[in-house]
Protein backbone atom coordinates (compact mmCIF):
# COMPACT_ATOMS: atom_id res chain seq x y z
CA MET A 1 28.97 -21.13 23.54
CA SER A 2 30.59 -17.97 22.21
CA ALA A 3 28.93 -15.63 24.75
CA PRO A 4 31.09 -16.59 27.78
CA ILE A 5 34.26 -16.61 25.69
CA LEU A 6 33.54 -13.21 24.16
CA LEU A 7 32.60 -11.71 27.54
CA ILE A 8 35.95 -12.77 28.96
CA ALA A 9 37.83 -11.61 25.84
CA ALA A 10 36.12 -8.19 26.01
CA PHE A 11 38.14 -7.26 29.09
CA PHE A 12 41.36 -7.51 27.04
CA PHE A 13 40.21 -5.10 24.31
CA GLY A 14 39.39 -1.90 26.19
CA PRO A 15 36.60 -0.88 28.57
CA PHE A 16 33.87 -3.46 29.03
CA VAL A 17 31.08 -0.88 28.57
CA ARG A 18 31.80 2.10 26.34
CA GLU A 19 29.72 5.28 26.25
CA LEU A 20 26.50 3.79 27.59
CA GLY A 21 23.73 6.33 27.05
CA PRO A 22 19.93 6.51 27.22
CA ILE A 23 19.57 5.61 23.53
CA HIS A 24 21.47 2.38 24.11
CA LEU A 25 19.29 1.44 27.08
CA ALA A 26 16.15 2.29 25.07
CA GLY A 27 17.35 0.05 22.24
CA LEU A 28 18.07 -2.77 24.66
CA ALA A 29 14.63 -2.37 26.27
CA PHE A 30 12.99 -2.47 22.82
CA GLN A 31 14.88 -5.65 21.97
CA ILE A 32 13.82 -7.27 25.25
CA VAL A 33 10.17 -6.23 25.27
CA VAL A 34 9.16 -6.14 21.62
CA VAL A 35 11.53 -8.35 19.67
CA VAL A 36 12.11 -11.16 22.15
CA SER A 37 8.90 -11.24 24.20
CA ALA A 38 6.30 -10.35 21.57
CA GLY A 39 8.12 -12.26 18.85
CA PHE A 40 8.38 -15.39 20.97
CA ILE A 41 4.71 -15.23 21.98
CA LEU A 42 3.65 -14.73 18.35
CA TRP A 43 5.93 -17.54 17.19
CA LEU A 44 4.35 -19.93 19.73
CA TRP A 45 0.83 -18.78 18.86
CA LEU A 46 1.17 -19.38 15.10
CA PRO A 47 1.53 -23.20 15.29
CA SER A 48 -1.76 -23.34 17.21
CA ILE A 49 -3.48 -22.00 14.08
CA TYR A 50 -1.32 -23.20 11.16
CA PRO A 51 0.61 -26.43 10.56
CA ALA A 52 4.08 -26.38 12.12
CA SER A 53 5.75 -27.20 8.79
CA GLY A 54 4.23 -24.12 7.17
CA VAL A 55 5.14 -21.82 10.05
CA ALA A 56 8.70 -23.11 10.24
CA SER A 57 9.31 -22.50 6.56
CA PHE A 58 8.52 -18.81 6.99
CA SER A 59 11.54 -18.41 9.27
CA PHE A 60 13.47 -18.31 5.98
CA LEU A 61 11.83 -14.94 5.31
CA SER A 62 14.11 -13.40 7.93
CA PRO A 63 17.07 -12.87 5.58
CA VAL A 64 14.78 -11.62 2.81
CA LEU A 65 13.17 -9.04 5.08
CA SER A 66 16.54 -8.07 6.56
CA VAL A 67 18.01 -7.34 3.15
CA GLY A 68 14.91 -5.40 2.13
CA LEU A 69 14.88 -3.29 5.26
CA GLY A 70 18.64 -2.71 5.04
CA TRP A 71 18.17 -1.40 1.50
CA LEU A 72 15.09 0.67 2.37
CA LEU A 73 16.13 2.14 5.72
CA LEU A 74 19.92 2.14 5.61
CA GLY A 75 20.63 2.57 1.92
CA GLU A 76 22.56 -0.70 1.65
CA THR A 77 23.63 -1.83 -1.81
CA VAL A 78 21.86 -4.91 -3.13
CA GLY A 79 23.77 -6.53 -5.99
CA PRO A 80 22.76 -9.20 -8.49
CA ASN A 81 24.29 -12.04 -6.45
CA LEU A 82 22.23 -11.08 -3.40
CA ILE A 83 19.07 -10.70 -5.45
CA GLY A 84 19.67 -14.16 -6.96
CA ALA A 85 20.11 -15.64 -3.49
CA LEU A 86 16.90 -13.99 -2.28
CA VAL A 87 15.00 -15.31 -5.29
CA LEU A 88 16.22 -18.83 -4.51
CA VAL A 89 15.07 -18.46 -0.88
CA ALA A 90 11.66 -17.23 -2.07
CA ILE A 91 11.36 -20.15 -4.51
CA GLY A 92 12.18 -22.55 -1.67
CA ILE A 93 9.45 -21.04 0.51
CA VAL A 94 6.93 -21.36 -2.32
CA LEU A 95 7.92 -24.98 -2.97
CA ILE A 96 7.64 -25.90 0.70
CA ASN A 97 4.20 -24.33 1.11
CA ARG A 98 2.55 -25.38 -2.14
CA PRO A 99 -0.38 -27.75 -1.81
CA THR A 100 0.40 -31.39 -2.41
CA ARG A 101 -1.08 -33.06 -5.46
CA SER A 102 -3.09 -36.19 -4.90
CA ARG A 103 -1.65 -39.18 -6.70
CA LYS A 104 -3.85 -41.50 -8.68
CA THR A 105 -3.18 -45.04 -7.63
CA SER A 106 -3.38 -47.91 -10.05
CA ALA A 107 -4.32 -50.40 -7.38
CA SER A 108 -6.56 -53.22 -8.41
CA PRO A 109 -10.17 -52.94 -7.30
CA VAL A 110 -11.12 -54.72 -4.13
CA HIS A 111 -13.49 -57.63 -4.68
CA SER A 112 -16.06 -58.25 -2.03
CA ALA A 113 -16.84 -61.80 -1.06
């Protein structure tokens, strides 16, 4: 919903396209080919092998990996609040994907006639 509104608003805040160069086009091509196409194909292939609930829970790894790569590649500061939040996300992923325990039922034995 925000894309059309922001495209219209962009005309009121300077040139629509600023300093478009080869590096920008290469980055856009990488996003289109690798991130969108390959990522989408991989994301659709995974549920054919693993249960959908397990695959969906791993989408929560995105913020964890983003923070890690931001720290590693860009030198971003990671404070204790962010580390605590990432630990909570990791705990949630572990809890979602842990094997279920079988419950012992105390049902009465079935009598055959």
